[in-house]
Protein backbone atom coordinates (compact mmCIF):
# COMPACT_ATOMS: atom_id res chain seq x y z
CA UNK A 1 289.54 -6.36 231.31
CA UNK A 2 291.72 -4.49 228.83
CA UNK A 3 291.19 -6.03 225.50
CA UNK A 4 293.91 -3.91 223.68
CA UNK A 5 295.56 -5.88 221.04
CA UNK A 6 299.01 -7.32 221.03
CA UNK A 7 301.21 -9.83 219.41
CA UNK A 8 302.43 -12.35 221.61
CA UNK A 9 303.80 -15.16 219.62
CA UNK A 10 305.59 -15.46 215.86
CA UNK A 11 307.03 -18.20 214.01
CA UNK A 12 308.26 -18.70 210.48
CA UNK A 13 309.87 -21.68 208.39
CA UNK A 14 313.53 -21.40 206.99
CA UNK A 15 313.23 -19.26 203.79
CA UNK A 16 314.70 -20.75 200.10
CA UNK A 17 314.60 -20.57 196.62
CA UNK A 18 313.29 -24.41 196.44
CA UNK A 19 311.18 -25.31 199.23
CA UNK A 20 309.46 -28.57 197.89
CA UNK A 21 306.65 -27.87 199.86
CA UNK A 22 303.07 -27.20 199.50
CA UNK A 23 301.92 -23.83 200.95
CA UNK A 24 299.83 -25.55 203.16
CA UNK A 25 302.48 -27.77 204.93
CA UNK A 26 304.76 -24.21 205.26
CA UNK A 27 302.17 -22.33 206.77
CA UNK A 28 301.11 -25.40 209.61
CA UNK A 29 304.94 -25.33 210.46
CA UNK A 30 304.99 -21.21 210.96
CA UNK A 31 301.56 -21.55 213.05
CA UNK A 32 302.44 -24.14 215.13
CA UNK A 33 305.60 -22.14 215.91
CA UNK A 34 304.04 -18.94 216.74
CA UNK A 35 301.65 -20.83 219.06
CA UNK A 36 304.58 -22.68 220.80
CA UNK A 37 306.19 -19.30 221.03
CA UNK A 38 303.22 -17.94 222.89
CA UNK A 39 302.86 -20.78 224.87
CA UNK A 40 299.36 -21.47 224.07
CA UNK A 41 297.53 -24.28 222.50
CA UNK A 42 296.13 -24.98 219.34
CA UNK A 43 292.46 -24.88 220.98
CA UNK A 44 293.21 -21.29 222.32
CA UNK A 45 293.16 -20.18 219.07
CA UNK A 46 289.52 -19.01 217.77
CA UNK A 47 290.52 -16.53 214.81
CA UNK A 48 292.36 -16.77 211.56
CA UNK A 49 293.38 -13.96 209.11
CA UNK A 50 295.64 -14.39 206.10
CA UNK A 51 296.16 -12.43 202.49
CA UNK A 52 297.29 -13.92 199.12
CA UNK A 53 296.96 -13.81 195.87
CA UNK A 54 296.02 -17.25 194.56
CA UNK A 55 299.01 -18.21 195.71
CA UNK A 56 298.50 -19.76 199.34
CA UNK A 57 296.42 -22.16 201.56
CA UNK A 58 293.10 -21.43 202.85
CA UNK A 59 292.67 -19.79 206.57
CA UNK A 60 290.22 -22.76 207.41
CA UNK A 61 292.18 -25.16 206.22
CA UNK A 62 295.62 -23.89 207.91
CA UNK A 63 293.40 -23.93 211.23
CA UNK A 64 292.25 -27.27 210.63
CA UNK A 65 295.71 -28.40 209.98
CA UNK A 66 297.19 -27.46 213.60
CA UNK A 67 293.83 -28.31 215.50
CA UNK A 68 292.19 -25.37 215.52
CA UNK A 69 288.47 -26.14 214.52
CA UNK A 70 286.26 -23.82 216.32
CA UNK A 71 286.46 -20.33 214.53
CA UNK A 72 284.65 -17.07 215.96
CA UNK A 73 285.86 -15.26 213.30
CA UNK A 74 288.16 -15.65 209.67
CA UNK A 75 289.37 -13.24 207.51
CA UNK A 76 291.02 -13.65 203.94
CA UNK A 77 292.33 -10.95 202.30
CA UNK A 78 292.92 -11.12 198.46
CA UNK A 79 296.00 -8.89 197.37
CA UNK A 80 299.95 -8.72 197.68
CA UNK A 81 302.04 -7.02 200.40
CA UNK A 82 299.80 -3.65 200.62
CA UNK A 83 297.96 -5.98 203.02
CA UNK A 84 300.69 -6.80 205.11
CA UNK A 85 300.28 -4.69 208.00
CA UNK A 86 296.26 -4.22 207.24
CA UNK A 87 296.04 -8.20 208.14
CA UNK A 88 297.53 -7.68 211.50
CA UNK A 89 295.50 -4.50 212.42
CA UNK A 90 292.36 -6.25 211.56
CA UNK A 91 293.31 -9.09 213.54
CA UNK A 92 293.83 -6.61 216.47
CA UNK A 93 290.13 -4.87 215.84
CA UNK A 94 288.64 -8.42 216.17
CA UNK A 95 290.11 -9.37 219.25
CA UNK A 96 289.48 -5.66 220.61
CA UNK A 97 286.09 -5.69 219.72
CA UNK A 98 285.53 -9.30 220.91
CA UNK A 99 284.78 -11.02 217.67
CA UNK A 100 287.29 -13.61 218.92
CA UNK A 101 289.94 -13.99 221.65
CA UNK A 102 293.14 -14.83 219.68
CA UNK A 103 293.96 -15.21 216.07
CA UNK A 104 296.31 -16.89 213.97
CA UNK A 105 297.90 -14.50 211.31
CA UNK A 106 299.67 -16.21 208.64
CA UNK A 107 301.54 -15.53 205.09
CA UNK A 108 302.70 -18.65 203.06
CA UNK A 109 303.93 -18.59 199.68
CA UNK A 110 306.23 -20.64 197.15
CA UNK A 111 307.50 -17.09 195.77
CA UNK A 112 310.28 -18.53 193.90
CA UNK A 113 309.78 -22.29 192.96
CA UNK A 114 305.83 -21.85 192.49
CA UNK A 115 303.57 -19.17 191.08
CA UNK A 116 305.27 -16.43 189.49
CA UNK A 117 305.48 -14.06 186.92
CA UNK A 118 306.38 -15.42 183.77
CA UNK A 119 305.27 -18.76 185.38
CA UNK A 120 301.69 -19.09 184.56
CA UNK A 121 301.78 -23.05 184.67
CA UNK A 122 302.13 -22.50 188.63
CA UNK A 123 305.69 -23.66 188.57
CA UNK A 124 306.30 -26.95 190.84
CA UNK A 125 309.32 -29.16 190.88
CA UNK A 126 309.90 -32.13 188.44
CA UNK A 127 312.91 -34.67 189.71
CA UNK A 128 313.62 -32.35 192.70
CA UNK A 129 314.26 -29.52 191.03
CA UNK A 130 312.16 -26.31 189.63
CA UNK A 131 310.29 -26.72 186.52
CA UNK A 132 311.52 -24.44 183.73
CA UNK A 133 308.48 -24.32 181.60
CA UNK A 134 307.22 -21.31 180.52
CA UNK A 135 303.51 -20.64 178.82
CA UNK A 136 301.66 -17.51 178.31
CA UNK A 137 300.21 -15.33 180.83
CA UNK A 138 296.70 -14.58 180.54
CA UNK A 139 295.50 -11.44 181.63
CA UNK A 140 292.05 -9.11 181.72
CA UNK A 141 291.17 -6.05 182.57
CA UNK A 142 293.35 -2.81 182.11
CA UNK A 143 296.18 -5.06 181.68
CA UNK A 144 295.16 -6.49 178.52
CA UNK A 145 295.86 -3.02 176.91
CA UNK A 146 299.62 -2.88 178.45
CA UNK A 147 300.63 -6.53 177.96
CA UNK A 148 301.26 -6.02 174.16
CA UNK A 149 303.66 -3.31 175.19
CA UNK A 150 305.34 -5.58 177.85
CA UNK A 151 304.32 -3.45 180.56
CA UNK A 152 303.12 -6.13 182.91
CA UNK A 153 305.34 -6.53 186.01
CA UNK A 154 305.95 -4.39 189.29
CA UNK A 155 309.92 -3.53 188.42
CA UNK A 156 308.16 -2.19 184.93
CA UNK A 157 305.65 0.04 186.83
CA UNK A 158 307.71 1.09 189.48
CA UNK A 159 310.64 2.08 187.17
CA UNK A 160 308.81 4.76 185.67
CA UNK A 161 307.72 6.23 189.12
CA UNK A 162 311.62 6.08 190.35
CA UNK A 163 312.37 7.88 187.25
CA UNK A 164 310.21 10.89 187.61
CA UNK A 165 311.74 11.04 191.00
CA UNK A 166 315.44 11.19 189.71
CA UNK A 167 314.16 13.93 187.24
CA UNK A 168 312.29 16.10 189.84
CA UNK A 169 314.81 15.42 192.97
CA UNK A 170 317.91 14.25 191.35
CA UNK A 171 318.14 11.33 193.22
CA UNK A 172 320.51 8.86 191.29
CA UNK A 173 321.47 5.21 190.75
CA UNK A 174 323.85 5.34 193.74
CA UNK A 175 321.38 6.67 196.02
CA UNK A 176 318.93 3.35 195.26
CA UNK A 177 322.34 1.82 195.68
CA UNK A 178 322.74 3.24 199.17
CA UNK A 179 319.40 1.51 200.61
CA UNK A 180 320.78 -2.16 198.78
CA UNK A 181 324.08 -1.71 200.27
CA UNK A 182 323.00 -0.60 204.02
CA UNK A 183 320.05 -3.29 204.14
CA UNK A 184 322.88 -6.35 202.77
CA UNK A 185 325.21 -5.00 205.48
CA UNK A 186 322.35 -5.85 207.96
CA UNK A 187 321.68 -9.27 206.66
CA UNK A 188 325.20 -10.09 207.00
CA UNK A 189 324.04 -10.82 210.95
CA UNK A 190 321.38 -12.67 209.99
CA UNK A 191 321.16 -16.34 209.63
CA UNK A 192 318.08 -16.78 208.37
CA UNK A 193 318.64 -14.25 205.24
CA UNK A 194 319.11 -15.86 201.85
CA UNK A 195 321.30 -13.33 200.61
CA UNK A 196 324.19 -12.64 203.33
CA UNK A 197 327.22 -12.19 200.74
CA UNK A 198 328.73 -8.54 201.38
CA UNK A 199 327.99 -6.18 198.30
CA UNK A 200 329.71 -2.68 197.81
CA UNK A 201 328.68 0.29 195.28
CA UNK A 202 330.72 -1.16 192.84
CA UNK A 203 328.71 -4.44 192.83
CA UNK A 204 325.59 -2.77 192.91
CA UNK A 205 326.81 -0.68 189.73
CA UNK A 206 327.73 -4.04 188.06
CA UNK A 207 324.85 -5.73 188.81
CA UNK A 208 322.40 -6.64 185.69
CA UNK A 209 319.56 -4.50 184.84
CA UNK A 210 316.00 -5.46 185.62
CA UNK A 211 314.27 -2.77 184.42
CA UNK A 212 316.29 0.70 184.40
CA UNK A 213 316.63 2.14 186.38
CA UNK A 214 316.55 -1.05 188.61
CA UNK A 215 319.38 -3.55 189.07
CA UNK A 216 319.00 -7.04 190.38
CA UNK A 217 320.09 -5.36 193.85
CA UNK A 218 317.12 -3.17 193.63
CA UNK A 219 314.26 -5.70 193.47
CA UNK A 220 312.82 -7.89 196.09
CA UNK A 221 314.19 -11.34 196.72
CA UNK A 222 311.91 -14.11 195.72
CA UNK A 223 311.65 -16.93 198.09
CA UNK A 224 309.22 -20.02 199.20
CA UNK A 225 308.46 -19.46 203.03
CA UNK A 226 305.85 -19.13 205.60
CA UNK A 227 305.40 -16.41 208.73
CA UNK A 228 302.92 -16.60 211.18
CA UNK A 229 302.05 -14.63 214.55
CA UNK A 230 299.27 -14.78 217.16
CA UNK A 231 297.34 -11.62 218.25
CA UNK A 232 295.50 -11.60 221.12
CA UNK A 233 294.35 -9.30 224.03
CA UNK A 234 296.33 -7.47 226.61
CA UNK A 235 294.76 -9.59 229.56
CA UNK A 236 295.30 -12.99 227.90
CA UNK A 237 299.10 -12.05 227.23
CA UNK A 238 299.66 -11.70 230.93
CA UNK A 239 299.52 -15.35 231.47
CA UNK A 240 301.48 -16.30 228.33
CA UNK A 241 305.08 -16.94 227.45
CA UNK A 242 306.37 -13.81 225.55
CA UNK A 243 306.59 -10.43 226.34
CA UNK A 244 303.61 -8.78 224.60
CA UNK A 245 303.94 -6.07 221.79
CA UNK A 246 301.53 -3.89 221.49
CA UNK A 247 299.67 -2.78 217.99
CA UNK A 248 299.60 0.96 218.79
CA UNK A 249 298.12 2.35 215.76
CA UNK A 250 297.56 1.70 212.06
CA UNK A 251 296.59 3.69 209.19
CA UNK A 252 296.19 2.89 205.48
CA UNK A 253 295.31 4.11 201.96
CA UNK A 254 294.10 3.50 198.70
CA UNK A 255 293.78 5.67 195.81
CA UNK A 256 292.37 5.66 191.98
CA UNK A 257 290.84 2.30 192.46
CA UNK A 258 294.75 1.01 193.26
CA UNK A 259 295.64 1.46 189.60
CA UNK A 260 299.19 2.23 189.15
CA UNK A 261 299.15 4.56 186.17
CA UNK A 262 296.07 6.67 187.53
CA UNK A 263 298.39 8.16 190.56
CA UNK A 264 298.70 11.94 190.04
CA UNK A 265 302.70 12.28 191.45
CA UNK A 266 304.87 8.93 190.86
CA UNK A 267 307.51 10.52 193.36
CA UNK A 268 305.12 10.33 196.14
CA UNK A 269 303.08 7.20 197.24
CA UNK A 270 300.28 5.91 199.55
CA UNK A 271 302.43 7.07 202.49
CA UNK A 272 301.75 10.83 201.42
CA UNK A 273 298.01 10.19 202.90
CA UNK A 274 298.00 7.25 205.62
CA UNK A 275 301.49 8.62 207.03
CA UNK A 276 299.97 12.03 208.64
CA UNK A 277 296.99 9.80 209.79
CA UNK A 278 299.35 7.35 211.78
CA UNK A 279 301.12 9.76 213.47
CA UNK A 280 298.04 11.40 214.69
CA UNK A 281 296.77 7.98 215.64
CA UNK A 282 299.95 7.05 217.47
CA UNK A 283 300.41 10.18 219.17
CA UNK A 284 303.91 10.14 218.38
CA UNK A 285 306.60 11.69 215.72
CA UNK A 286 308.67 9.93 213.15
CA UNK A 287 311.86 10.89 215.28
CA UNK A 288 310.22 8.62 218.18
CA UNK A 289 310.57 5.20 215.82
CA UNK A 290 313.91 3.17 216.44
CA UNK A 291 313.33 0.84 213.86
CA UNK A 292 311.77 1.32 210.52
CA UNK A 293 310.98 -2.04 208.70
CA UNK A 294 309.86 -0.22 205.49
CA UNK A 295 308.33 -2.34 202.62
CA UNK A 296 311.05 -2.52 200.12
CA UNK A 297 309.70 -4.91 197.16
CA UNK A 298 312.01 -2.18 195.48
CA UNK A 299 314.58 0.34 196.84
CA UNK A 300 312.54 2.96 195.38
CA UNK A 301 309.66 2.31 197.67
CA UNK A 302 311.79 2.46 200.70
CA UNK A 303 312.84 5.89 199.09
CA UNK A 304 309.34 7.41 198.48
CA UNK A 305 308.05 6.04 201.65
CA UNK A 306 310.58 7.06 203.72
CA UNK A 307 309.48 10.73 202.61
CA UNK A 308 306.11 10.20 202.87
CA UNK A 309 306.49 8.86 206.44
CA UNK A 310 308.46 11.80 207.52
CA UNK A 311 311.55 10.01 208.35
CA UNK A 312 313.63 12.00 205.81
CA UNK A 313 313.19 15.01 203.54
CA UNK A 314 312.19 14.64 199.94
CA UNK A 315 315.43 13.82 197.88
CA UNK A 316 317.15 13.42 200.50
CA UNK A 317 317.28 9.35 201.28
CA UNK A 318 320.46 8.46 199.61
CA UNK A 319 322.31 10.82 201.67
CA UNK A 320 320.34 9.83 204.84
CA UNK A 321 321.81 6.12 204.07
CA UNK A 322 325.24 7.23 202.75
CA UNK A 323 325.89 9.27 206.09
CA UNK A 324 324.94 6.09 208.36
CA UNK A 325 321.64 7.76 209.64
CA UNK A 326 319.71 4.79 208.74
CA UNK A 327 321.76 2.03 210.51
CA UNK A 328 322.97 1.38 213.97
CA UNK A 329 324.20 4.34 216.07
CA UNK A 330 322.02 6.27 213.31
CA UNK A 331 318.88 8.07 213.73
CA UNK A 332 316.66 4.90 212.88
CA UNK A 333 317.54 1.23 211.96
CA UNK A 334 315.86 0.47 208.46
CA UNK A 335 315.39 -3.06 207.91
CA UNK A 336 317.51 -4.77 210.44
CA UNK A 337 317.22 -8.26 209.24
CA UNK A 338 318.24 -7.09 205.57
CA UNK A 339 314.51 -6.48 204.44
CA UNK A 340 312.65 -8.35 201.43
CA UNK A 341 315.80 -7.24 199.14
CA UNK A 342 317.80 -9.65 201.07
CA UNK A 343 316.10 -11.60 203.62
CA UNK A 344 313.19 -12.62 201.53
CA UNK A 345 310.22 -11.60 200.01
CA UNK A 346 307.24 -13.09 202.27
CA UNK A 347 305.11 -10.23 200.82
CA UNK A 348 305.89 -8.21 203.76
CA UNK A 349 304.54 -9.91 206.95
CA UNK A 350 308.48 -10.80 207.80
CA UNK A 351 308.89 -7.00 208.46
CA UNK A 352 306.24 -7.52 211.37
CA UNK A 353 308.03 -10.45 212.74
CA UNK A 354 311.49 -8.75 212.47
CA UNK A 355 309.96 -5.80 214.30
CA UNK A 356 308.36 -8.19 217.14
CA UNK A 357 311.82 -10.07 217.49
CA UNK A 358 313.55 -6.65 217.97
CA UNK A 359 311.06 -5.27 220.46
CA UNK A 360 311.61 -8.28 222.33
CA UNK A 361 314.97 -7.95 222.22
CA UNK A 362 315.75 -11.26 220.95
CA UNK A 363 317.40 -10.43 217.68
CA UNK A 364 320.74 -11.29 218.95
CA UNK A 365 323.50 -10.19 216.60
CA UNK A 366 321.62 -7.23 214.95
CA UNK A 367 319.96 -6.35 217.61
CA UNK A 368 318.98 -2.31 218.16
CA UNK A 369 319.97 -1.59 221.43
CA UNK A 370 317.17 0.17 223.64
CA UNK A 371 314.20 -0.20 220.67
CA UNK A 372 310.81 0.29 222.24
CA UNK A 373 308.76 1.46 219.20
CA UNK A 374 309.03 0.13 215.73
CA UNK A 375 307.47 1.52 212.31
CA UNK A 376 306.11 -1.28 209.66
CA UNK A 377 304.98 -0.41 206.45
CA UNK A 378 303.47 -2.10 203.72
CA UNK A 379 302.68 -1.31 199.78
CA UNK A 380 303.83 0.67 196.86
CA UNK A 381 302.27 3.03 194.70
CA UNK A 382 298.62 3.87 195.58
CA UNK A 383 297.94 1.56 198.25
CA UNK A 384 299.41 0.58 201.29
CA UNK A 385 299.58 1.05 205.31
CA UNK A 386 301.84 1.70 208.06
CA UNK A 387 301.53 0.06 211.83
CA UNK A 388 303.44 1.46 215.09
CA UNK A 389 304.33 -1.46 217.18
CA UNK A 390 305.34 -0.94 220.94
CA UNK A 391 307.12 -3.10 223.27
CA UNK A 392 305.45 -3.96 226.38
CA UNK A 393 301.68 -3.23 227.33
């Protein structure tokens, strides 16, 4: 029998700015939807995998909530979006090696109304609206030395990286804007996206500054919600409801202990290391990809990783997008759902959801015609990974 790993079911909740629900409730809803989508029963699942940063629900609790009480494999990764492909790939390895037969993979968070930067109290709601209290954040380790200078959050870190790229390659804010504008155009056909309003370059440049050179449209959209999927074997998937999507290859890289300030070249990211390894393992080239779901916590992440994975040349990402090469009718469709910038930030697992939907030819108005192969990436700076998915088995 073939134990080749495939994704056979997907599910998600609505994405919102204030769910007024627990992360457990949202994870359970997404999980039940994924199990039903696959045409399975909860009792068919014997593994669970998730990742979080203290802002989710335990895997065993979610499994129990949906009726999965006999687990042969359980993995919980502590970390952010750089694990969004790793969690799927590890689930794939678990079924491939026989550790279990079917894995529930999920990510659930209240990324807007709950725990977030500047909200050490964990957020929450009061009288039906988001709490507005702000208390001091406690930091330890290396961050305690940066905190007095106000250097504490991802947009501050990656803004420095982006400046280095602008200095070396002449990339501009308008180049970043081309990425944000293209993804918002894609989101216009995605009823699930939280932001679907049209923007042009004038709108982009008028956006308020977050950390120069990042404006508000350069930053991922904090939302509440959950995404789930079922990973099983090719053999098992033959009897299920949906056309399976194969997990073809995965590669990841973490350098310099994952410390943002220790990376030697801010104009590159983890993709410099993971990219060549991914293409070697998949046995394909960058131009074989129909869809690229690029991790877009910031527009600059898309810029640097598209270069690192070899989708375009250094310093050419802005013109690549401006010329229509990253959209429908171009060379590759980047984030057809609008990405984390416009659909919402479920720490990147919604990228895999979109890739599966596209490869099953079920994306409706935003469907990429004839799509058979997708690249999904996760992470920024010195840590992250990439995954190749393919329609069918």
